[in-house]
Amino acid sequence: MTPAEGRNIERIAVLGGGAWGTALALVAARAGRSVRLWARDADIVRALNEDNANPRYLPGVTIDPPLFATTALDEALVDADAVLLVTPAQTTRAMAENLASRLAPGTPVILCAKGIERDTGLLLGDVLREAAPGVMPAVLSGPSFAGDVARGLPTAVTIAAADGKIADRLSAALASPQFRPYAATDLTGVQIGGALKNVLAIACGAVAGKQWGASALAALTARGFAELTRLGLALGAQRETLAGLSGLGDLVLTCGSAQSRNFAFGEALGKGASVASLTAEGQKLAEGVHSAAVAETLAARHGVELPICRAVSAVLDGRLSIDDALTELMTRPLKREA
């Protein structure tokens, strides 16, 4: 019997040893689940198992309760009732192909990265369906910084699955007094909110880096939400989802704090750093860099105007400078807001 058929979710595999993967493994452990975390890096696995720490990605955070970590994927997945996939968005297809033959049919795989597949323009849930057709896609998203979650600070997120009952079970399996998941069935809305807010956060970071003021930042965030809503509705999302935790909530968090990698990336651009230097090997991943061009393509395909996302895409590929991008946005034809 799979969890979708009613079995309790007790054993959870977490794939990804970065800050977010470690934080979510802690969430599951604090909720009383049995957790196995997989990471590629043997040093991270050793630190988690021997020192109850992940100093590379969560410096200063004590891993309490302790976690079992391994570099062996099969060992992490053994008897798993659910999987949290917390690897970068652009690795989703390769990871899903590795999972396809290793998981029982119907096993929920919760996508925890926020992005759109660069080569195909597919949302990650659709990538998972193609690459591992036997599993059940789910999505976890919302306003959450890994450091806050790892430290046990109050956080609320959305967990979506097409089957509302499995969304309820996944939420119950991860819930604790510090971590509150809300169940949903709108996978498209939850995914598009998480992907587009990364692009918009780059724009907001650039405004902060250029010191254009709080008024400009607020306006950009509000108009960015309008873009997120337009594209989400065109793709079939529910308006309530886009205005909820995984849409507006995540947008507000990400567009206003340098803790966000995407905001920090944009801020560095605004201060004069080059795209090449910020995307060089060894730099922190800003997923909005990959999603910007895809958002521009999706907008054209569905006849939706996304001027901010288009401006970010143009800055990233060298078609516009940041100053020219602002001028273009501010001189668009005047129109009514609604």
C-alpha atoms as a PDB file:
ATOM      1  CA  MET A   1       0.000   0.000   0.000  1.00  0.00           C
ATOM      2  CA  THR A   2       1.387   3.407  -0.971  1.00  0.00           C
ATOM      3  CA  PRO A   3       0.850   6.644   1.012  1.00  0.00           C
ATOM      4  CA  ALA A   4      -1.609   7.691  -1.687  1.00  0.00           C
ATOM      5  CA  GLU A   5      -3.672   4.639  -0.748  1.00  0.00           C
ATOM      6  CA  GLY A   6      -3.662   5.521   2.930  1.00  0.00           C
ATOM      7  CA  ARG A   7      -0.369   4.348   4.450  1.00  0.00           C
ATOM      8  CA  ASN A   8       1.126   6.732   6.968  1.00  0.00           C
ATOM      9  CA  ILE A   9       4.169   8.735   5.918  1.00  0.00           C
ATOM     10  CA  GLU A  10       6.829   7.827   8.482  1.00  0.00           C
ATOM     11  CA  ARG A  11      10.102   7.346   6.556  1.00  0.00           C
ATOM     12  CA  ILE A  12      11.302  10.328   4.527  1.00  0.00           C
ATOM     13  CA  ALA A  13      14.316  10.572   2.230  1.00  0.00           C
ATOM     14  CA  VAL A  14      15.761  14.038   1.686  1.00  0.00           C
ATOM     15  CA  LEU A  15      17.906  14.394  -1.424  1.00  0.00           C
ATOM     16  CA  GLY A  16      20.264  17.362  -1.247  1.00  0.00           C
ATOM     17  CA  GLY A  17      22.814  18.376   1.380  1.00  0.00           C
ATOM     18  CA  GLY A  18      22.714  22.137   0.908  1.00  0.00           C
ATOM     19  CA  ALA A  19      21.146  24.657   3.266  1.00  0.00           C
ATOM     20  CA  TRP A  20      17.560  24.014   2.180  1.00  0.00           C
ATOM     21  CA  GLY A  21      17.918  20.233   2.093  1.00  0.00           C
ATOM     22  CA  THR A  22      19.426  20.178   5.583  1.00  0.00           C
ATOM     23  CA  ALA A  23      16.761  22.553   6.901  1.00  0.00           C
ATOM     24  CA  LEU A  24      13.935  20.412   5.494  1.00  0.00           C
ATOM     25  CA  ALA A  25      15.511  17.256   6.874  1.00  0.00           C
ATOM     26  CA  LEU A  26      15.413  18.971  10.273  1.00  0.00           C
ATOM     27  CA  VAL A  27      11.753  19.861   9.693  1.00  0.00           C
ATOM     28  CA  ALA A  28      10.910  16.205   9.061  1.00  0.00           C
ATOM     29  CA  ALA A  29      12.928  15.016  12.050  1.00  0.00           C
ATOM     30  CA  ARG A  30      11.309  17.580  14.377  1.00  0.00           C
ATOM     31  CA  ALA A  31       7.930  16.351  13.171  1.00  0.00           C
ATOM     32  CA  GLY A  32       8.858  12.885  14.423  1.00  0.00           C
ATOM     33  CA  ARG A  33       9.618  11.257  11.093  1.00  0.00           C
ATOM     34  CA  SER A  34      12.488   8.870  10.378  1.00  0.00           C
ATOM     35  CA  VAL A  35      14.828  10.800   8.066  1.00  0.00           C
ATOM     36  CA  ARG A  36      17.703   9.847   5.778  1.00  0.00           C
ATOM     37  CA  LEU A  37      19.538  12.618   3.968  1.00  0.00           C
ATOM     38  CA  TRP A  38      21.536  12.042   0.783  1.00  0.00           C
ATOM     39  CA  ALA A  39      24.349  14.358  -0.268  1.00  0.00           C
ATOM     40  CA  ARG A  40      27.039  14.021  -2.931  1.00  0.00           C
ATOM     41  CA  ASP A  41      29.753  15.561  -0.770  1.00  0.00           C
ATOM     42  CA  ALA A  42      31.375  13.149   1.699  1.00  0.00           C
ATOM     43  CA  ASP A  43      32.576  16.046   3.886  1.00  0.00           C
ATOM     44  CA  ILE A  44      29.005  17.268   4.374  1.00  0.00           C
ATOM     45  CA  VAL A  45      27.851  13.741   5.220  1.00  0.00           C
ATOM     46  CA  ARG A  46      30.679  13.325   7.730  1.00  0.00           C
ATOM     47  CA  ALA A  47      29.926  16.670   9.404  1.00  0.00           C
ATOM     48  CA  LEU A  48      26.231  15.844   9.699  1.00  0.00           C
ATOM     49  CA  ASN A  49      26.819  12.384  11.122  1.00  0.00           C
ATOM     50  CA  GLU A  50      29.773  13.143  13.395  1.00  0.00           C
ATOM     51  CA  ASP A  51      29.416  16.818  14.327  1.00  0.00           C
ATOM     52  CA  ASN A  52      25.667  17.417  14.014  1.00  0.00           C
ATOM     53  CA  ALA A  53      26.471  20.385  11.765  1.00  0.00           C
ATOM     54  CA  ASN A  54      26.612  21.548   8.173  1.00  0.00           C
ATOM     55  CA  PRO A  55      29.208  24.332   8.482  1.00  0.00           C
ATOM     56  CA  ARG A  56      29.469  24.923   4.738  1.00  0.00           C
ATOM     57  CA  TYR A  57      25.808  25.795   4.224  1.00  0.00           C
ATOM     58  CA  LEU A  58      24.404  26.438   7.718  1.00  0.00           C
ATOM     59  CA  PRO A  59      27.277  27.843   9.790  1.00  0.00           C
ATOM     60  CA  GLY A  60      26.483  28.197  13.460  1.00  0.00           C
ATOM     61  CA  VAL A  61      23.416  25.930  13.342  1.00  0.00           C
ATOM     62  CA  THR A  62      23.399  22.825  15.541  1.00  0.00           C
ATOM     63  CA  ILE A  63      21.626  19.925  13.853  1.00  0.00           C
ATOM     64  CA  ASP A  64      19.216  18.924  16.600  1.00  0.00           C
ATOM     65  CA  PRO A  65      17.713  16.345  16.406  1.00  0.00           C
ATOM     66  CA  PRO A  66      20.629  14.518  14.751  1.00  0.00           C
ATOM     67  CA  LEU A  67      20.246  13.313  11.164  1.00  0.00           C
ATOM     68  CA  PHE A  68      21.492  10.215   9.385  1.00  0.00           C
ATOM     69  CA  ALA A  69      23.279  11.223   6.191  1.00  0.00           C
ATOM     70  CA  THR A  70      24.762   9.126   3.394  1.00  0.00           C
ATOM     71  CA  THR A  71      26.410   9.481  -0.010  1.00  0.00           C
ATOM     72  CA  ALA A  72      24.641   6.289  -1.183  1.00  0.00           C
ATOM     73  CA  LEU A  73      21.361   7.096  -2.942  1.00  0.00           C
ATOM     74  CA  ASP A  74      19.962   3.585  -2.501  1.00  0.00           C
ATOM     75  CA  GLU A  75      20.634   3.715   1.240  1.00  0.00           C
ATOM     76  CA  ALA A  76      18.763   7.015   1.551  1.00  0.00           C
ATOM     77  CA  LEU A  77      15.761   5.747  -0.411  1.00  0.00           C
ATOM     78  CA  VAL A  78      15.281   2.366   1.256  1.00  0.00           C
ATOM     79  CA  ASP A  79      11.613   1.937   2.299  1.00  0.00           C
ATOM     80  CA  ALA A  80      10.953   5.654   1.822  1.00  0.00           C
ATOM     81  CA  ASP A  81       7.293   6.651   2.141  1.00  0.00           C
ATOM     82  CA  ALA A  82       8.035  10.051   0.584  1.00  0.00           C
ATOM     83  CA  VAL A  83      10.995  11.867  -0.947  1.00  0.00           C
ATOM     84  CA  LEU A  84      11.930  15.522  -0.627  1.00  0.00           C
ATOM     85  CA  LEU A  85      13.886  16.426  -3.775  1.00  0.00           C
ATOM     86  CA  VAL A  86      16.006  19.428  -2.777  1.00  0.00           C
ATOM     87  CA  THR A  87      18.561  19.573  -5.580  1.00  0.00           C
ATOM     88  CA  PRO A  88      18.831  22.550  -8.008  1.00  0.00           C
ATOM     89  CA  ALA A  89      15.942  22.996 -10.423  1.00  0.00           C
ATOM     90  CA  GLN A  90      18.047  22.344 -13.524  1.00  0.00           C
ATOM     91  CA  THR A  91      19.098  18.918 -12.172  1.00  0.00           C
ATOM     92  CA  THR A  92      15.500  17.741 -11.664  1.00  0.00           C
ATOM     93  CA  ARG A  93      15.323  15.619 -14.813  1.00  0.00           C
ATOM     94  CA  ALA A  94      18.572  13.771 -14.098  1.00  0.00           C
ATOM     95  CA  MET A  95      17.582  13.170 -10.478  1.00  0.00           C
ATOM     96  CA  ALA A  96      14.123  11.972 -11.497  1.00  0.00           C
ATOM     97  CA  GLU A  97      15.622   9.488 -13.941  1.00  0.00           C
ATOM     98  CA  ASN A  98      17.716   8.098 -11.075  1.00  0.00           C
ATOM     99  CA  LEU A  99      14.610   7.761  -8.915  1.00  0.00           C
ATOM    100  CA  ALA A 100      12.366   6.136 -11.519  1.00  0.00           C
ATOM    101  CA  SER A 101      13.476   2.557 -10.904  1.00  0.00           C
ATOM    102  CA  ARG A 102      14.245   2.979  -7.209  1.00  0.00           C
ATOM    103  CA  LEU A 103      10.846   3.994  -5.802  1.00  0.00           C
ATOM    104  CA  ALA A 104       7.605   2.072  -5.377  1.00  0.00           C
ATOM    105  CA  PRO A 105       4.825   3.219  -7.719  1.00  0.00           C
ATOM    106  CA  GLY A 106       2.826   6.098  -6.260  1.00  0.00           C
ATOM    107  CA  THR A 107       5.569   7.285  -3.913  1.00  0.00           C
ATOM    108  CA  PRO A 108       5.220  11.053  -3.407  1.00  0.00           C
ATOM    109  CA  VAL A 109       8.244  13.059  -4.573  1.00  0.00           C
ATOM    110  CA  ILE A 110       8.059  16.589  -3.194  1.00  0.00           C
ATOM    111  CA  LEU A 111       9.833  19.139  -5.397  1.00  0.00           C
ATOM    112  CA  CYS A 112      11.495  21.748  -3.202  1.00  0.00           C
ATOM    113  CA  ALA A 113      13.496  23.732  -5.788  1.00  0.00           C
ATOM    114  CA  LYS A 114      11.896  26.750  -7.459  1.00  0.00           C
ATOM    115  CA  GLY A 115      12.407  27.090 -11.172  1.00  0.00           C
ATOM    116  CA  ILE A 116      11.473  26.147 -14.731  1.00  0.00           C
ATOM    117  CA  GLU A 117      13.477  23.706 -16.850  1.00  0.00           C
ATOM    118  CA  ARG A 118      15.643  25.903 -19.059  1.00  0.00           C
ATOM    119  CA  ASP A 119      15.843  23.618 -22.113  1.00  0.00           C
ATOM    120  CA  THR A 120      12.123  22.770 -22.379  1.00  0.00           C
ATOM    121  CA  GLY A 121      10.216  25.505 -20.542  1.00  0.00           C
ATOM    122  CA  LEU A 122       8.466  22.826 -18.477  1.00  0.00           C
ATOM    123  CA  LEU A 123       7.479  23.267 -14.855  1.00  0.00           C
ATOM    124  CA  LEU A 124       9.362  20.844 -12.638  1.00  0.00           C
ATOM    125  CA  GLY A 125       6.260  18.764 -11.901  1.00  0.00           C
ATOM    126  CA  ASP A 126       5.919  18.053 -15.609  1.00  0.00           C
ATOM    127  CA  VAL A 127       9.617  17.186 -15.803  1.00  0.00           C
ATOM    128  CA  LEU A 128       9.112  14.715 -12.964  1.00  0.00           C
ATOM    129  CA  ARG A 129       6.110  13.146 -14.701  1.00  0.00           C
ATOM    130  CA  GLU A 130       8.137  12.649 -17.884  1.00  0.00           C
ATOM    131  CA  ALA A 131      11.295  11.304 -16.267  1.00  0.00           C
ATOM    132  CA  ALA A 132       9.749   9.216 -13.462  1.00  0.00           C
ATOM    133  CA  PRO A 133       6.156   8.472 -14.527  1.00  0.00           C
ATOM    134  CA  GLY A 134       5.464   6.076 -11.665  1.00  0.00           C
ATOM    135  CA  VAL A 135       5.911   8.563  -8.813  1.00  0.00           C
ATOM    136  CA  MET A 136       3.443  11.148  -7.506  1.00  0.00           C
ATOM    137  CA  PRO A 137       4.617  14.752  -7.978  1.00  0.00           C
ATOM    138  CA  ALA A 138       4.128  17.205  -5.126  1.00  0.00           C
ATOM    139  CA  VAL A 139       5.544  20.672  -4.482  1.00  0.00           C
ATOM    140  CA  LEU A 140       6.677  22.498  -1.345  1.00  0.00           C
ATOM    141  CA  SER A 141       7.015  26.264  -1.645  1.00  0.00           C
ATOM    142  CA  GLY A 142       6.433  29.455   0.286  1.00  0.00           C
ATOM    143  CA  PRO A 143       8.161  32.283   2.172  1.00  0.00           C
ATOM    144  CA  SER A 144      11.026  30.467   3.862  1.00  0.00           C
ATOM    145  CA  PHE A 145      14.728  31.083   4.308  1.00  0.00           C
ATOM    146  CA  ALA A 146      16.750  27.957   5.064  1.00  0.00           C
ATOM    147  CA  GLY A 147      18.528  29.563   8.013  1.00  0.00           C
ATOM    148  CA  ASP A 148      15.254  30.573   9.666  1.00  0.00           C
ATOM    149  CA  VAL A 149      13.772  27.110   9.171  1.00  0.00           C
ATOM    150  CA  ALA A 150      16.906  25.348  10.439  1.00  0.00           C
ATOM    151  CA  ARG A 151      16.904  27.499  13.577  1.00  0.00           C
ATOM    152  CA  GLY A 152      13.290  26.572  14.260  1.00  0.00           C
ATOM    153  CA  LEU A 153      11.828  30.018  13.636  1.00  0.00           C
ATOM    154  CA  PRO A 154       8.087  30.076  12.814  1.00  0.00           C
ATOM    155  CA  THR A 155       7.476  29.375   9.112  1.00  0.00           C
ATOM    156  CA  ALA A 156       4.409  28.623   6.971  1.00  0.00           C
ATOM    157  CA  VAL A 157       4.525  27.066   3.491  1.00  0.00           C
ATOM    158  CA  THR A 158       2.264  25.413   0.930  1.00  0.00           C
ATOM    159  CA  ILE A 159       2.447  21.724   0.008  1.00  0.00           C
ATOM    160  CA  ALA A 160       0.556  20.885  -3.184  1.00  0.00           C
ATOM    161  CA  ALA A 161      -0.346  17.584  -4.814  1.00  0.00           C
ATOM    162  CA  ALA A 162      -2.987  16.765  -7.413  1.00  0.00           C
ATOM    163  CA  ASP A 163      -4.548  14.363  -4.910  1.00  0.00           C
ATOM    164  CA  GLY A 164      -5.797  16.521  -2.037  1.00  0.00           C
ATOM    165  CA  LYS A 165      -5.653  13.605   0.395  1.00  0.00           C
ATOM    166  CA  ILE A 166      -1.947  13.048  -0.221  1.00  0.00           C
ATOM    167  CA  ALA A 167      -1.339  16.801   0.112  1.00  0.00           C
ATOM    168  CA  ASP A 168      -3.059  16.590   3.512  1.00  0.00           C
ATOM    169  CA  ARG A 169      -0.924  13.594   4.548  1.00  0.00           C
ATOM    170  CA  LEU A 170       2.318  15.238   3.441  1.00  0.00           C
ATOM    171  CA  SER A 171       1.415  18.391   5.345  1.00  0.00           C
ATOM    172  CA  ALA A 172       0.622  16.385   8.469  1.00  0.00           C
ATOM    173  CA  ALA A 173       3.889  14.457   8.149  1.00  0.00           C
ATOM    174  CA  LEU A 174       5.988  17.649   8.195  1.00  0.00           C
ATOM    175  CA  ALA A 175       3.960  19.813  10.569  1.00  0.00           C
ATOM    176  CA  SER A 176       5.313  20.960  13.927  1.00  0.00           C
ATOM    177  CA  PRO A 177       4.778  23.965  16.218  1.00  0.00           C
ATOM    178  CA  GLN A 178       7.551  25.753  14.282  1.00  0.00           C
ATOM    179  CA  PHE A 179       6.593  24.677  10.749  1.00  0.00           C
ATOM    180  CA  ARG A 180       3.060  24.968   9.412  1.00  0.00           C
ATOM    181  CA  PRO A 181       2.261  23.548   5.957  1.00  0.00           C
ATOM    182  CA  TYR A 182      -1.002  24.406   4.180  1.00  0.00           C
ATOM    183  CA  ALA A 183      -2.241  21.723   1.768  1.00  0.00           C
ATOM    184  CA  ALA A 184      -3.281  22.585  -1.791  1.00  0.00           C
ATOM    185  CA  THR A 185      -4.026  20.905  -5.116  1.00  0.00           C
ATOM    186  CA  ASP A 186      -2.925  23.716  -7.464  1.00  0.00           C
ATOM    187  CA  LEU A 187       0.538  22.502  -8.471  1.00  0.00           C
ATOM    188  CA  THR A 188       0.755  24.965 -11.359  1.00  0.00           C
ATOM    189  CA  GLY A 189       0.082  27.986  -9.170  1.00  0.00           C
ATOM    190  CA  VAL A 190       2.516  26.921  -6.473  1.00  0.00           C
ATOM    191  CA  GLN A 191       5.263  26.274  -9.039  1.00  0.00           C
ATOM    192  CA  ILE A 192       4.847  29.432 -11.106  1.00  0.00           C
ATOM    193  CA  GLY A 193       4.863  31.572  -7.977  1.00  0.00           C
ATOM    194  CA  GLY A 194       8.144  30.057  -6.828  1.00  0.00           C
ATOM    195  CA  ALA A 195       9.784  30.342 -10.244  1.00  0.00           C
ATOM    196  CA  LEU A 196       8.789  33.887 -11.172  1.00  0.00           C
ATOM    197  CA  LYS A 197       9.513  35.427  -7.786  1.00  0.00           C
ATOM    198  CA  ASN A 198      13.182  34.520  -8.323  1.00  0.00           C
ATOM    199  CA  VAL A 199      13.284  36.563 -11.534  1.00  0.00           C
ATOM    200  CA  LEU A 200      11.472  39.479  -9.925  1.00  0.00           C
ATOM    201  CA  ALA A 201      13.804  39.359  -6.918  1.00  0.00           C
ATOM    202  CA  ILE A 202      16.764  39.964  -9.242  1.00  0.00           C
ATOM    203  CA  ALA A 203      15.026  43.129 -10.467  1.00  0.00           C
ATOM    204  CA  CYS A 204      14.310  44.276  -6.919  1.00  0.00           C
ATOM    205  CA  GLY A 205      17.870  43.578  -5.859  1.00  0.00           C
ATOM    206  CA  ALA A 206      19.157  45.680  -8.761  1.00  0.00           C
ATOM    207  CA  VAL A 207      16.946  48.581  -7.631  1.00  0.00           C
ATOM    208  CA  ALA A 208      18.394  48.282  -4.134  1.00  0.00           C
ATOM    209  CA  GLY A 209      21.933  48.076  -5.497  1.00  0.00           C
ATOM    210  CA  LYS A 210      21.375  51.231  -7.581  1.00  0.00           C
ATOM    211  CA  GLN A 211      19.932  52.957  -4.477  1.00  0.00           C
ATOM    212  CA  TRP A 212      16.807  54.037  -6.324  1.00  0.00           C
ATOM    213  CA  GLY A 213      14.812  54.095  -3.104  1.00  0.00           C
ATOM    214  CA  ALA A 214      12.096  52.265  -1.194  1.00  0.00           C
ATOM    215  CA  SER A 215       9.318  53.729  -3.344  1.00  0.00           C
ATOM    216  CA  ALA A 216      10.778  52.185  -6.503  1.00  0.00           C
ATOM    217  CA  LEU A 217      11.266  48.862  -4.699  1.00  0.00           C
ATOM    218  CA  ALA A 218       7.645  48.771  -3.527  1.00  0.00           C
ATOM    219  CA  ALA A 219       6.342  49.680  -6.976  1.00  0.00           C
ATOM    220  CA  LEU A 220       8.472  47.020  -8.631  1.00  0.00           C
ATOM    221  CA  THR A 221       7.288  44.355  -6.180  1.00  0.00           C
ATOM    222  CA  ALA A 222       3.634  45.252  -6.756  1.00  0.00           C
ATOM    223  CA  ARG A 223       3.956  45.333 -10.546  1.00  0.00           C
ATOM    224  CA  GLY A 224       5.942  42.116 -10.354  1.00  0.00           C
ATOM    225  CA  PHE A 225       3.039  40.461  -8.562  1.00  0.00           C
ATOM    226  CA  ALA A 226       0.782  41.581 -11.411  1.00  0.00           C
ATOM    227  CA  GLU A 227       3.135  39.827 -13.866  1.00  0.00           C
ATOM    228  CA  LEU A 228       3.252  36.673 -11.764  1.00  0.00           C
ATOM    229  CA  THR A 229      -0.547  36.652 -11.649  1.00  0.00           C
ATOM    230  CA  ARG A 230      -0.962  37.180 -15.399  1.00  0.00           C
ATOM    231  CA  LEU A 231       1.340  34.326 -16.339  1.00  0.00           C
ATOM    232  CA  GLY A 232      -0.003  32.042 -13.634  1.00  0.00           C
ATOM    233  CA  LEU A 233      -3.591  32.500 -14.782  1.00  0.00           C
ATOM    234  CA  ALA A 234      -2.577  31.952 -18.412  1.00  0.00           C
ATOM    235  CA  LEU A 235      -1.041  28.620 -17.388  1.00  0.00           C
ATOM    236  CA  GLY A 236      -4.155  27.547 -15.494  1.00  0.00           C
ATOM    237  CA  ALA A 237      -3.242  28.490 -11.927  1.00  0.00           C
ATOM    238  CA  GLN A 238      -5.830  29.559  -9.376  1.00  0.00           C
ATOM    239  CA  ARG A 239      -5.864  33.235  -8.397  1.00  0.00           C
ATOM    240  CA  GLU A 240      -6.140  32.301  -4.704  1.00  0.00           C
ATOM    241  CA  THR A 241      -2.911  30.293  -4.917  1.00  0.00           C
ATOM    242  CA  LEU A 242      -1.041  33.168  -6.540  1.00  0.00           C
ATOM    243  CA  ALA A 243      -2.222  35.520  -3.779  1.00  0.00           C
ATOM    244  CA  GLY A 244      -1.223  33.017  -1.082  1.00  0.00           C
ATOM    245  CA  LEU A 245       1.949  31.836   0.623  1.00  0.00           C
ATOM    246  CA  SER A 246       3.640  30.369  -2.445  1.00  0.00           C
ATOM    247  CA  GLY A 247       2.913  33.421  -4.610  1.00  0.00           C
ATOM    248  CA  LEU A 248       2.561  36.798  -2.936  1.00  0.00           C
ATOM    249  CA  GLY A 249       4.026  35.570   0.353  1.00  0.00           C
ATOM    250  CA  ASP A 250       7.220  34.249  -1.220  1.00  0.00           C
ATOM    251  CA  LEU A 251       7.478  37.294  -3.492  1.00  0.00           C
ATOM    252  CA  VAL A 252       7.371  39.724  -0.572  1.00  0.00           C
ATOM    253  CA  LEU A 253      10.033  37.782   1.329  1.00  0.00           C
ATOM    254  CA  THR A 254      12.388  37.304  -1.606  1.00  0.00           C
ATOM    255  CA  CYS A 255      12.072  40.817  -3.049  1.00  0.00           C
ATOM    256  CA  GLY A 256      12.969  42.536   0.200  1.00  0.00           C
ATOM    257  CA  SER A 257      15.932  40.741   1.739  1.00  0.00           C
ATOM    258  CA  ALA A 258      19.571  40.140   0.865  1.00  0.00           C
ATOM    259  CA  GLN A 259      19.181  36.692   2.455  1.00  0.00           C
ATOM    260  CA  SER A 260      17.630  35.782  -0.902  1.00  0.00           C
ATOM    261  CA  ARG A 261      20.288  34.628  -3.350  1.00  0.00           C
ATOM    262  CA  ASN A 262      18.332  36.146  -6.222  1.00  0.00           C
ATOM    263  CA  PHE A 263      17.941  39.518  -4.492  1.00  0.00           C
ATOM    264  CA  ALA A 264      21.648  39.467  -3.566  1.00  0.00           C
ATOM    265  CA  PHE A 265      22.522  38.641  -7.191  1.00  0.00           C
ATOM    266  CA  GLY A 266      20.498  41.612  -8.436  1.00  0.00           C
ATOM    267  CA  GLU A 267      21.933  43.877  -5.761  1.00  0.00           C
ATOM    268  CA  ALA A 268      25.445  43.010  -6.878  1.00  0.00           C
ATOM    269  CA  LEU A 269      24.459  43.764 -10.484  1.00  0.00           C
ATOM    270  CA  GLY A 270      23.092  47.114  -9.374  1.00  0.00           C
ATOM    271  CA  LYS A 271      26.394  47.915  -7.680  1.00  0.00           C
ATOM    272  CA  GLY A 272      28.290  47.240 -10.901  1.00  0.00           C
ATOM    273  CA  ALA A 273      29.236  43.549 -10.826  1.00  0.00           C
ATOM    274  CA  SER A 274      29.145  41.728 -14.160  1.00  0.00           C
ATOM    275  CA  VAL A 275      26.832  38.821 -14.938  1.00  0.00           C
ATOM    276  CA  ALA A 276      29.880  36.727 -15.843  1.00  0.00           C
ATOM    277  CA  SER A 277      31.514  37.264 -12.458  1.00  0.00           C
ATOM    278  CA  LEU A 278      28.318  36.452 -10.584  1.00  0.00           C
ATOM    279  CA  THR A 279      27.679  33.234 -12.529  1.00  0.00           C
ATOM    280  CA  ALA A 280      31.272  31.985 -12.458  1.00  0.00           C
ATOM    281  CA  GLU A 281      32.014  28.541 -11.059  1.00  0.00           C
ATOM    282  CA  GLY A 282      31.862  28.524  -7.282  1.00  0.00           C
ATOM    283  CA  GLN A 283      29.330  31.349  -6.986  1.00  0.00           C
ATOM    284  CA  LYS A 284      26.044  30.771  -5.176  1.00  0.00           C
ATOM    285  CA  LEU A 285      23.229  29.641  -7.446  1.00  0.00           C
ATOM    286  CA  ALA A 286      20.571  32.248  -8.287  1.00  0.00           C
ATOM    287  CA  GLU A 287      17.853  30.200  -9.975  1.00  0.00           C
ATOM    288  CA  GLY A 288      16.214  33.317 -11.408  1.00  0.00           C
ATOM    289  CA  VAL A 289      19.123  33.577 -13.853  1.00  0.00           C
ATOM    290  CA  HIS A 290      17.896  30.382 -15.521  1.00  0.00           C
ATOM    291  CA  SER A 291      14.192  31.209 -15.221  1.00  0.00           C
ATOM    292  CA  ALA A 292      14.269  34.740 -16.712  1.00  0.00           C
ATOM    293  CA  ALA A 293      14.664  33.755 -20.361  1.00  0.00           C
ATOM    294  CA  VAL A 294      12.193  30.896 -19.954  1.00  0.00           C
ATOM    295  CA  ALA A 295       9.623  33.292 -18.461  1.00  0.00           C
ATOM    296  CA  GLU A 296      10.113  35.607 -21.430  1.00  0.00           C
ATOM    297  CA  THR A 297       9.511  32.692 -23.816  1.00  0.00           C
ATOM    298  CA  LEU A 298       6.413  31.510 -21.937  1.00  0.00           C
ATOM    299  CA  ALA A 299       5.021  35.047 -21.971  1.00  0.00           C
ATOM    300  CA  ALA A 300       5.381  35.231 -25.749  1.00  0.00           C
ATOM    301  CA  ARG A 301       3.850  31.774 -26.178  1.00  0.00           C
ATOM    302  CA  HIS A 302       0.780  32.647 -24.116  1.00  0.00           C
ATOM    303  CA  GLY A 303       0.393  36.264 -25.216  1.00  0.00           C
ATOM    304  CA  VAL A 304       1.113  37.678 -21.743  1.00  0.00           C
ATOM    305  CA  GLU A 305       3.005  40.915 -21.005  1.00  0.00           C
ATOM    306  CA  LEU A 306       5.869  40.477 -18.521  1.00  0.00           C
ATOM    307  CA  PRO A 307       7.887  43.698 -18.917  1.00  0.00           C
ATOM    308  CA  ILE A 308       9.896  43.296 -15.701  1.00  0.00           C
ATOM    309  CA  CYS A 309      10.817  39.682 -16.421  1.00  0.00           C
ATOM    310  CA  ARG A 310      11.683  40.636 -19.994  1.00  0.00           C
ATOM    311  CA  ALA A 311      13.921  43.459 -18.739  1.00  0.00           C
ATOM    312  CA  VAL A 312      15.721  41.086 -16.352  1.00  0.00           C
ATOM    313  CA  SER A 313      16.251  38.601 -19.177  1.00  0.00           C
ATOM    314  CA  ALA A 314      17.628  41.362 -21.420  1.00  0.00           C
ATOM    315  CA  VAL A 315      20.040  42.566 -18.732  1.00  0.00           C
ATOM    316  CA  LEU A 316      21.265  39.029 -18.071  1.00  0.00           C
ATOM    317  CA  ASP A 317      22.013  38.290 -21.721  1.00  0.00           C
ATOM    318  CA  GLY A 318      23.541  41.696 -22.436  1.00  0.00           C
ATOM    319  CA  ARG A 319      20.767  43.269 -24.520  1.00  0.00           C
ATOM    320  CA  LEU A 320      20.195  46.080 -22.008  1.00  0.00           C
ATOM    321  CA  SER A 321      22.070  47.842 -19.237  1.00  0.00           C
ATOM    322  CA  ILE A 322      20.314  48.191 -15.878  1.00  0.00           C
ATOM    323  CA  ASP A 323      19.866  51.942 -16.443  1.00  0.00           C
ATOM    324  CA  ASP A 324      18.379  51.372 -19.898  1.00  0.00           C
ATOM    325  CA  ALA A 325      16.100  48.672 -18.511  1.00  0.00           C
ATOM    326  CA  LEU A 326      14.688  51.108 -15.938  1.00  0.00           C
ATOM    327  CA  THR A 327      14.186  53.778 -18.600  1.00  0.00           C
ATOM    328  CA  GLU A 328      12.351  51.268 -20.774  1.00  0.00           C
ATOM    329  CA  LEU A 329      10.047  50.284 -17.914  1.00  0.00           C
ATOM    330  CA  MET A 330       9.342  53.878 -16.876  1.00  0.00           C
ATOM    331  CA  THR A 331       8.566  55.080 -20.408  1.00  0.00           C
ATOM    332  CA  ARG A 332       6.152  52.320 -21.391  1.00  0.00           C
ATOM    333  CA  PRO A 333       2.815  53.662 -22.697  1.00  0.00           C
ATOM    334  CA  LEU A 334       0.616  54.950 -19.880  1.00  0.00           C
ATOM    335  CA  LYS A 335      -2.417  52.819 -19.078  1.00  0.00           C
ATOM    336  CA  ARG A 336      -4.967  52.118 -16.389  1.00  0.00           C
ATOM    337  CA  GLU A 337      -3.760  49.894 -13.570  1.00  0.00           C
ATOM    338  CA  ALA A 338      -6.706  47.482 -13.845  1.00  0.00           C
END
